[in-house]
Amino acid sequence: MEIYCLNNKKTESFDPGVSFEEIFNRLALTLKGCPVCVCANGKIMDMGAKVYEDCDVEFLDATSSMGARSYLLGLVFGTGICAL
């Protein structure tokens, strides 16, 4: 499957079932902070979520507004991610 990363504007092939964390590590991206979530096809998702189809992704850290909100909601509700 093909994953287009908005952070580096590149497309790479991955096997179905790979996690967003594995994708982030393989792409060797550098963010201001650690990634807290990913925006995949416009939907905020946990880094541990598995991918089974082509998608556009953007990895978010706590310095972005969506990343900070996701991190805060995760702290409040005790989950890894909260849908926004």
PDB file of N, CA and C in Angstrom:
ATOM      1  N   MET A   1       0.845  -1.173   0.000  1.00  0.00           N
ATOM      2  CA  MET A   1       0.000   0.000   0.000  1.00  0.00           C
ATOM      3  C   MET A   1       0.886   1.231   0.000  1.00  0.00           C
ATOM      4  N   GLU A   2       0.340   2.342  -0.482  1.00  0.00           N
ATOM      5  CA  GLU A   2       1.096   3.584  -0.613  1.00  0.00           C
ATOM      6  C   GLU A   2       0.694   4.576   0.490  1.00  0.00           C
ATOM      7  N   ILE A   3       1.691   5.133   1.166  1.00  0.00           N
ATOM      8  CA  ILE A   3       1.478   6.135   2.206  1.00  0.00           C
ATOM      9  C   ILE A   3       2.161   7.422   1.764  1.00  0.00           C
ATOM     10  N   TYR A   4       1.380   8.493   1.664  1.00  0.00           N
ATOM     11  CA  TYR A   4       1.935   9.810   1.347  1.00  0.00           C
ATOM     12  C   TYR A   4       2.058  10.580   2.651  1.00  0.00           C
ATOM     13  N   CYS A   5       3.263  11.017   2.970  1.00  0.00           N
ATOM     14  CA  CYS A   5       3.523  11.759   4.201  1.00  0.00           C
ATOM     15  C   CYS A   5       3.592  13.256   3.910  1.00  0.00           C
ATOM     16  N   LEU A   6       2.712  14.000   4.541  1.00  0.00           N
ATOM     17  CA  LEU A   6       2.684  15.447   4.356  1.00  0.00           C
ATOM     18  C   LEU A   6       3.886  16.125   5.003  1.00  0.00           C
ATOM     19  N   ASN A   7       4.487  15.501   6.018  1.00  0.00           N
ATOM     20  CA  ASN A   7       5.627  16.102   6.700  1.00  0.00           C
ATOM     21  C   ASN A   7       6.837  16.240   5.781  1.00  0.00           C
ATOM     22  N   ASN A   8       7.096  15.207   4.971  1.00  0.00           N
ATOM     23  CA  ASN A   8       8.254  15.263   4.070  1.00  0.00           C
ATOM     24  C   ASN A   8       7.869  15.273   2.595  1.00  0.00           C
ATOM     25  N   LYS A   9       6.558  15.252   2.328  1.00  0.00           N
ATOM     26  CA  LYS A   9       6.020  15.296   0.965  1.00  0.00           C
ATOM     27  C   LYS A   9       6.551  14.157   0.087  1.00  0.00           C
ATOM     28  N   LYS A  10       6.613  12.943   0.686  1.00  0.00           N
ATOM     29  CA  LYS A  10       7.085  11.776  -0.041  1.00  0.00           C
ATOM     30  C   LYS A  10       6.091  10.635   0.103  1.00  0.00           C
ATOM     31  N   THR A  11       6.080   9.760  -0.905  1.00  0.00           N
ATOM     32  CA  THR A  11       5.247   8.563  -0.894  1.00  0.00           C
ATOM     33  C   THR A  11       6.149   7.343  -0.758  1.00  0.00           C
ATOM     34  N   GLU A  12       5.755   6.422   0.125  1.00  0.00           N
ATOM     35  CA  GLU A  12       6.501   5.173   0.299  1.00  0.00           C
ATOM     36  C   GLU A  12       5.534   4.009   0.374  1.00  0.00           C
ATOM     37  N   SER A  13       6.023   2.837   0.028  1.00  0.00           N
ATOM     38  CA  SER A  13       5.218   1.614   0.089  1.00  0.00           C
ATOM     39  C   SER A  13       5.434   0.907   1.428  1.00  0.00           C
ATOM     40  N   PHE A  14       4.353   0.393   1.988  1.00  0.00           N
ATOM     41  CA  PHE A  14       4.377  -0.352   3.242  1.00  0.00           C
ATOM     42  C   PHE A  14       3.464  -1.558   3.101  1.00  0.00           C
ATOM     43  N   ASP A  15       3.726  -2.571   3.917  1.00  0.00           N
ATOM     44  CA  ASP A  15       2.855  -3.733   3.967  1.00  0.00           C
ATOM     45  C   ASP A  15       1.606  -3.395   4.781  1.00  0.00           C
ATOM     46  N   PRO A  16       0.441  -3.913   4.400  1.00  0.00           N
ATOM     47  CA  PRO A  16      -0.769  -3.692   5.198  1.00  0.00           C
ATOM     48  C   PRO A  16      -0.578  -4.202   6.628  1.00  0.00           C
ATOM     49  N   GLY A  17      -1.156  -3.492   7.578  1.00  0.00           N
ATOM     50  CA  GLY A  17      -1.059  -3.881   8.979  1.00  0.00           C
ATOM     51  C   GLY A  17       0.075  -3.219   9.740  1.00  0.00           C
ATOM     52  N   VAL A  18       0.822  -2.354   9.081  1.00  0.00           N
ATOM     53  CA  VAL A  18       1.903  -1.637   9.745  1.00  0.00           C
ATOM     54  C   VAL A  18       1.300  -0.539  10.628  1.00  0.00           C
ATOM     55  N   SER A  19       1.930  -0.239  11.741  1.00  0.00           N
ATOM     56  CA  SER A  19       1.417   0.816  12.625  1.00  0.00           C
ATOM     57  C   SER A  19       1.966   2.174  12.190  1.00  0.00           C
ATOM     58  N   PHE A  20       1.279   3.219  12.609  1.00  0.00           N
ATOM     59  CA  PHE A  20       1.764   4.563  12.301  1.00  0.00           C
ATOM     60  C   PHE A  20       3.117   4.809  12.950  1.00  0.00           C
ATOM     61  N   GLU A  21       3.349   4.230  14.121  1.00  0.00           N
ATOM     62  CA  GLU A  21       4.644   4.374  14.788  1.00  0.00           C
ATOM     63  C   GLU A  21       5.761   3.763  13.941  1.00  0.00           C
ATOM     64  N   GLU A  22       5.504   2.593  13.360  1.00  0.00           N
ATOM     65  CA  GLU A  22       6.494   1.952  12.494  1.00  0.00           C
ATOM     66  C   GLU A  22       6.736   2.783  11.241  1.00  0.00           C
ATOM     67  N   ILE A  23       5.685   3.373  10.701  1.00  0.00           N
ATOM     68  CA  ILE A  23       5.834   4.241   9.529  1.00  0.00           C
ATOM     69  C   ILE A  23       6.689   5.442   9.887  1.00  0.00           C
ATOM     70  N   PHE A  24       6.382   6.079  11.018  1.00  0.00           N
ATOM     71  CA  PHE A  24       7.153   7.246  11.462  1.00  0.00           C
ATOM     72  C   PHE A  24       8.633   6.891  11.609  1.00  0.00           C
ATOM     73  N   ASN A  25       8.920   5.769  12.252  1.00  0.00           N
ATOM     74  CA  ASN A  25      10.312   5.363  12.462  1.00  0.00           C
ATOM     75  C   ASN A  25      11.022   5.066  11.149  1.00  0.00           C
ATOM     76  N   ARG A  26      10.341   4.419  10.226  1.00  0.00           N
ATOM     77  CA  ARG A  26      10.971   4.091   8.939  1.00  0.00           C
ATOM     78  C   ARG A  26      11.236   5.345   8.102  1.00  0.00           C
ATOM     79  N   LEU A  27      10.352   6.324   8.204  1.00  0.00           N
ATOM     80  CA  LEU A  27      10.546   7.566   7.451  1.00  0.00           C
ATOM     81  C   LEU A  27      11.628   8.446   8.056  1.00  0.00           C
ATOM     82  N   ALA A  28      12.009   8.165   9.309  1.00  0.00           N
ATOM     83  CA  ALA A  28      13.059   8.920  10.014  1.00  0.00           C
ATOM     84  C   ALA A  28      12.766  10.421  10.001  1.00  0.00           C
ATOM     85  N   LEU A  29      11.530  10.770  10.327  1.00  0.00           N
ATOM     86  CA  LEU A  29      11.125  12.173  10.355  1.00  0.00           C
ATOM     87  C   LEU A  29      11.652  12.864  11.607  1.00  0.00           C
ATOM     88  N   THR A  30      11.830  14.163  11.509  1.00  0.00           N
ATOM     89  CA  THR A  30      12.226  14.971  12.650  1.00  0.00           C
ATOM     90  C   THR A  30      11.134  15.990  12.913  1.00  0.00           C
ATOM     91  N   LEU A  31      10.560  15.936  14.105  1.00  0.00           N
ATOM     92  CA  LEU A  31       9.575  16.920  14.535  1.00  0.00           C
ATOM     93  C   LEU A  31      10.173  17.723  15.681  1.00  0.00           C
ATOM     94  N   LYS A  32       9.529  18.801  16.084  1.00  0.00           N
ATOM     95  CA  LYS A  32      10.012  19.588  17.220  1.00  0.00           C
ATOM     96  C   LYS A  32       9.971  18.772  18.509  1.00  0.00           C
ATOM     97  N   GLY A  33       8.980  17.880  18.607  1.00  0.00           N
ATOM     98  CA  GLY A  33       8.835  17.001  19.763  1.00  0.00           C
ATOM     99  C   GLY A  33       8.479  15.607  19.297  1.00  0.00           C
ATOM    100  N   CYS A  34       8.204  14.731  20.234  1.00  0.00           N
ATOM    101  CA  CYS A  34       7.793  13.368  19.894  1.00  0.00           C
ATOM    102  C   CYS A  34       6.391  13.389  19.295  1.00  0.00           C
ATOM    103  N   PRO A  35       6.128  12.537  18.320  1.00  0.00           N
ATOM    104  CA  PRO A  35       4.775  12.494  17.753  1.00  0.00           C
ATOM    105  C   PRO A  35       3.784  11.972  18.784  1.00  0.00           C
ATOM    106  N   VAL A  36       2.659  12.664  18.929  1.00  0.00           N
ATOM    107  CA  VAL A  36       1.626  12.232  19.877  1.00  0.00           C
ATOM    108  C   VAL A  36       0.437  11.605  19.163  1.00  0.00           C
ATOM    109  N   CYS A  37       0.278  11.923  17.883  1.00  0.00           N
ATOM    110  CA  CYS A  37      -0.820  11.368  17.096  1.00  0.00           C
ATOM    111  C   CYS A  37      -0.514  11.586  15.623  1.00  0.00           C
ATOM    112  N   VAL A  38      -1.411  11.084  14.806  1.00  0.00           N
ATOM    113  CA  VAL A  38      -1.254  11.232  13.364  1.00  0.00           C
ATOM    114  C   VAL A  38      -2.600  11.610  12.766  1.00  0.00           C
ATOM    115  N   CYS A  39      -2.575  12.465  11.787  1.00  0.00           N
ATOM    116  CA  CYS A  39      -3.779  12.815  11.040  1.00  0.00           C
ATOM    117  C   CYS A  39      -3.719  11.993   9.744  1.00  0.00           C
ATOM    118  N   ALA A  40      -4.600  11.005   9.644  1.00  0.00           N
ATOM    119  CA  ALA A  40      -4.622  10.111   8.487  1.00  0.00           C
ATOM    120  C   ALA A  40      -5.916  10.323   7.718  1.00  0.00           C
ATOM    121  N   ASN A  41      -5.791  10.826   6.493  1.00  0.00           N
ATOM    122  CA  ASN A  41      -6.957  11.148   5.669  1.00  0.00           C
ATOM    123  C   ASN A  41      -7.942  12.032   6.417  1.00  0.00           C
ATOM    124  N   GLY A  42      -7.411  12.992   7.176  1.00  0.00           N
ATOM    125  CA  GLY A  42      -8.247  13.962   7.885  1.00  0.00           C
ATOM    126  C   GLY A  42      -8.786  13.504   9.221  1.00  0.00           C
ATOM    127  N   LYS A  43      -8.400  12.313   9.673  1.00  0.00           N
ATOM    128  CA  LYS A  43      -8.897  11.781  10.948  1.00  0.00           C
ATOM    129  C   LYS A  43      -7.731  11.615  11.921  1.00  0.00           C
ATOM    130  N   ILE A  44      -7.875  12.130  13.142  1.00  0.00           N
ATOM    131  CA  ILE A  44      -6.841  12.003  14.157  1.00  0.00           C
ATOM    132  C   ILE A  44      -6.835  10.575  14.707  1.00  0.00           C
ATOM    133  N   MET A  45      -5.646   9.970  14.715  1.00  0.00           N
ATOM    134  CA  MET A  45      -5.524   8.573  15.154  1.00  0.00           C
ATOM    135  C   MET A  45      -4.314   8.398  16.054  1.00  0.00           C
ATOM    136  N   ASP A  46      -4.348   7.324  16.830  1.00  0.00           N
ATOM    137  CA  ASP A  46      -3.262   6.947  17.734  1.00  0.00           C
ATOM    138  C   ASP A  46      -2.066   6.433  16.929  1.00  0.00           C
ATOM    139  N   MET A  47      -0.873   6.666  17.431  1.00  0.00           N
ATOM    140  CA  MET A  47       0.335   6.197  16.748  1.00  0.00           C
ATOM    141  C   MET A  47       0.400   4.675  16.650  1.00  0.00           C
ATOM    142  N   GLY A  48      -0.252   3.972  17.550  1.00  0.00           N
ATOM    143  CA  GLY A  48      -0.237   2.511  17.531  1.00  0.00           C
ATOM    144  C   GLY A  48      -1.253   1.887  16.598  1.00  0.00           C
ATOM    145  N   ALA A  49      -2.132   2.706  16.007  1.00  0.00           N
ATOM    146  CA  ALA A  49      -3.159   2.184  15.101  1.00  0.00           C
ATOM    147  C   ALA A  49      -2.515   1.565  13.869  1.00  0.00           C
ATOM    148  N   LYS A  50      -3.145   0.533  13.359  1.00  0.00           N
ATOM    149  CA  LYS A  50      -2.656  -0.172  12.168  1.00  0.00           C
ATOM    150  C   LYS A  50      -3.284   0.409  10.907  1.00  0.00           C
ATOM    151  N   VAL A  51      -2.528   0.360   9.820  1.00  0.00           N
ATOM    152  CA  VAL A  51      -2.973   0.897   8.534  1.00  0.00           C
ATOM    153  C   VAL A  51      -3.159  -0.261   7.564  1.00  0.00           C
ATOM    154  N   TYR A  52      -4.291  -0.275   6.853  1.00  0.00           N
ATOM    155  CA  TYR A  52      -4.586  -1.355   5.920  1.00  0.00           C
ATOM    156  C   TYR A  52      -4.895  -0.866   4.504  1.00  0.00           C
ATOM    157  N   GLU A  53      -4.843   0.436   4.283  1.00  0.00           N
ATOM    158  CA  GLU A  53      -5.130   0.974   2.945  1.00  0.00           C
ATOM    159  C   GLU A  53      -4.298   2.220   2.702  1.00  0.00           C
ATOM    160  N   ASP A  54      -4.196   2.605   1.441  1.00  0.00           N
ATOM    161  CA  ASP A  54      -3.471   3.824   1.077  1.00  0.00           C
ATOM    162  C   ASP A  54      -4.035   5.012   1.849  1.00  0.00           C
ATOM    163  N   CYS A  55      -3.152   5.912   2.264  1.00  0.00           N
ATOM    164  CA  CYS A  55      -3.639   7.113   2.932  1.00  0.00           C
ATOM    165  C   CYS A  55      -2.585   8.208   2.923  1.00  0.00           C
ATOM    166  N   ASP A  56      -3.049   9.412   3.196  1.00  0.00           N
ATOM    167  CA  ASP A  56      -2.193  10.566   3.398  1.00  0.00           C
ATOM    168  C   ASP A  56      -2.072  10.759   4.895  1.00  0.00           C
ATOM    169  N   VAL A  57      -0.848  10.935   5.389  1.00  0.00           N
ATOM    170  CA  VAL A  57      -0.636  11.080   6.823  1.00  0.00           C
ATOM    171  C   VAL A  57       0.166  12.329   7.139  1.00  0.00           C
ATOM    172  N   GLU A  58      -0.104  12.872   8.314  1.00  0.00           N
ATOM    173  CA  GLU A  58       0.708  13.955   8.863  1.00  0.00           C
ATOM    174  C   GLU A  58       0.914  13.644  10.334  1.00  0.00           C
ATOM    175  N   PHE A  59       2.168  13.494  10.728  1.00  0.00           N
ATOM    176  CA  PHE A  59       2.488  13.213  12.117  1.00  0.00           C
ATOM    177  C   PHE A  59       2.512  14.523  12.898  1.00  0.00           C
ATOM    178  N   LEU A  60       1.864  14.511  14.068  1.00  0.00           N
ATOM    179  CA  LEU A  60       1.703  15.725  14.865  1.00  0.00           C
ATOM    180  C   LEU A  60       2.365  15.568  16.229  1.00  0.00           C
ATOM    181  N   ASP A  61       3.078  16.599  16.656  1.00  0.00           N
ATOM    182  CA  ASP A  61       3.627  16.621  18.005  1.00  0.00           C
ATOM    183  C   ASP A  61       2.834  17.629  18.825  1.00  0.00           C
ATOM    184  N   ALA A  62       3.194  17.785  20.082  1.00  0.00           N
ATOM    185  CA  ALA A  62       2.434  18.649  20.983  1.00  0.00           C
ATOM    186  C   ALA A  62       2.595  20.134  20.668  1.00  0.00           C
ATOM    187  N   THR A  63       3.478  20.496  19.733  1.00  0.00           N
ATOM    188  CA  THR A  63       3.616  21.909  19.369  1.00  0.00           C
ATOM    189  C   THR A  63       2.554  22.343  18.358  1.00  0.00           C
ATOM    190  N   SER A  64       1.878  21.381  17.730  1.00  0.00           N
ATOM    191  CA  SER A  64       0.778  21.727  16.825  1.00  0.00           C
ATOM    192  C   SER A  64      -0.510  21.823  17.638  1.00  0.00           C
ATOM    193  N   SER A  65      -1.466  22.580  17.169  1.00  0.00           N
ATOM    194  CA  SER A  65      -2.708  22.752  17.929  1.00  0.00           C
ATOM    195  C   SER A  65      -3.470  21.436  18.074  1.00  0.00           C
ATOM    196  N   MET A  66      -3.563  20.649  17.008  1.00  0.00           N
ATOM    197  CA  MET A  66      -4.266  19.358  17.100  1.00  0.00           C
ATOM    198  C   MET A  66      -3.501  18.368  17.963  1.00  0.00           C
ATOM    199  N   GLY A  67      -2.179  18.372  17.856  1.00  0.00           N
ATOM    200  CA  GLY A  67      -1.361  17.484  18.669  1.00  0.00           C
ATOM    201  C   GLY A  67      -1.457  17.822  20.147  1.00  0.00           C
ATOM    202  N   ALA A  68      -1.427  19.119  20.478  1.00  0.00           N
ATOM    203  CA  ALA A  68      -1.533  19.552  21.877  1.00  0.00           C
ATOM    204  C   ALA A  68      -2.899  19.191  22.448  1.00  0.00           C
ATOM    205  N   ARG A  69      -3.932  19.388  21.661  1.00  0.00           N
ATOM    206  CA  ARG A  69      -5.287  19.065  22.122  1.00  0.00           C
ATOM    207  C   ARG A  69      -5.444  17.564  22.344  1.00  0.00           C
ATOM    208  N   SER A  70      -4.925  16.783  21.439  1.00  0.00           N
ATOM    209  CA  SER A  70      -4.981  15.332  21.568  1.00  0.00           C
ATOM    210  C   SER A  70      -4.224  14.869  22.808  1.00  0.00           C
ATOM    211  N   TYR A  71      -3.049  15.447  23.035  1.00  0.00           N
ATOM    212  CA  TYR A  71      -2.246  15.100  24.207  1.00  0.00           C
ATOM    213  C   TYR A  71      -2.982  15.450  25.496  1.00  0.00           C
ATOM    214  N   LEU A  72      -3.548  16.637  25.552  1.00  0.00           N
ATOM    215  CA  LEU A  72      -4.277  17.082  26.740  1.00  0.00           C
ATOM    216  C   LEU A  72      -5.486  16.194  27.010  1.00  0.00           C
ATOM    217  N   LEU A  73      -6.264  15.886  25.982  1.00  0.00           N
ATOM    218  CA  LEU A  73      -7.428  15.023  26.159  1.00  0.00           C
ATOM    219  C   LEU A  73      -7.022  13.618  26.598  1.00  0.00           C
ATOM    220  N   GLY A  74      -5.890  13.149  26.117  1.00  0.00           N
ATOM    221  CA  GLY A  74      -5.386  11.859  26.546  1.00  0.00           C
ATOM    222  C   GLY A  74      -5.030  11.857  28.023  1.00  0.00           C
ATOM    223  N   LEU A  75      -4.467  12.969  28.504  1.00  0.00           N
ATOM    224  CA  LEU A  75      -4.145  13.079  29.931  1.00  0.00           C
ATOM    225  C   LEU A  75      -5.415  13.131  30.778  1.00  0.00           C
ATOM    226  N   VAL A  76      -6.388  13.911  30.344  1.00  0.00           N
ATOM    227  CA  VAL A  76      -7.626  14.090  31.099  1.00  0.00           C
ATOM    228  C   VAL A  76      -8.413  12.792  31.191  1.00  0.00           C
ATOM    229  N   PHE A  77      -8.532  12.096  30.073  1.00  0.00           N
ATOM    230  CA  PHE A  77      -9.361  10.897  30.036  1.00  0.00           C
ATOM    231  C   PHE A  77      -8.569   9.605  30.199  1.00  0.00           C
ATOM    232  N   GLY A  78      -7.263   9.699  30.360  1.00  0.00           N
ATOM    233  CA  GLY A  78      -6.442   8.522  30.606  1.00  0.00           C
ATOM    234  C   GLY A  78      -6.327   7.573  29.444  1.00  0.00           C
ATOM    235  N   THR A  79      -6.448   8.110  28.231  1.00  0.00           N
ATOM    236  CA  THR A  79      -6.293   7.279  27.035  1.00  0.00           C
ATOM    237  C   THR A  79      -5.112   7.774  26.235  1.00  0.00           C
ATOM    238  N   GLY A  80      -4.692   6.972  25.278  1.00  0.00           N
ATOM    239  CA  GLY A  80      -3.577   7.363  24.424  1.00  0.00           C
ATOM    240  C   GLY A  80      -3.967   8.413  23.416  1.00  0.00           C
ATOM    241  N   ILE A  81      -5.235   8.456  23.062  1.00  0.00           N
ATOM    242  CA  ILE A  81      -5.691   9.405  22.035  1.00  0.00           C
ATOM    243  C   ILE A  81      -7.178   9.619  22.207  1.00  0.00           C
ATOM    244  N   CYS A  82      -7.626  10.791  21.883  1.00  0.00           N
ATOM    245  CA  CYS A  82      -9.053  11.082  21.858  1.00  0.00           C
ATOM    246  C   CYS A  82      -9.383  11.659  20.506  1.00  0.00           C
ATOM    247  N   ALA A  83     -10.415  11.178  19.890  1.00  0.00           N
ATOM    248  CA  ALA A  83     -10.829  11.701  18.584  1.00  0.00           C
ATOM    249  C   ALA A  83     -11.292  13.130  18.740  1.00  0.00           C
ATOM    250  N   LEU A  84     -10.889  13.970  17.825  1.00  0.00           N
ATOM    251  CA  LEU A  84     -11.257  15.396  17.877  1.00  0.00           C
ATOM    252  C   LEU A  84     -12.390  15.672  16.927  1.00  0.00           C
TER     253      LEU A  84
END
